[in-house]
């Protein structure tokens, strides 16, 4: 076998190995569906009963925590020592919420959240998530929202005000 053939096969094998490894790593942080017994660690409600507001925290070890709405996801994220004492911030691999209009699962860290609207979630006042800023602005206008925030603008103080 010629040297070029050996190098071509070796290169192809490395490429396949890297592709499989990257797909496996990506799958570890993908959202999964909650089971009927999965409870929100903040309020204790069964998360699967609220598919429109379902939110999820995925951990590096492959486990997940499910929430009946983005507000409780944020409460837990900002105060994990209270709600999930065995997990640290570094353990969080991904955070998911559902876009209000499309119900598509989106990355909470890139979402736009409307606060103070007339739409209520399972626990009352809720952060309403959107993938697109324009849709959040339209919703805010149509539903008397007070403001639109990004992930890092949501604070424990704001969540307390929403209670």
Foldseek 3Di string as FASTA:
>chain_A
DDPVVVVVVVVVVVVVVVVVVVVVQVVLQDDDQDDQCAAALQPRHRQNVQLLAKKWWHFPVSDIHIDVHPLSVVVCQQCVCVRPVVDDNNRTDFIWTAQNPPRDIDGLQQWKWFFDFPDATPVGGHTHTHNDPVVSVVRCVVGVTDDIDGNVVDDPVNSVVRD
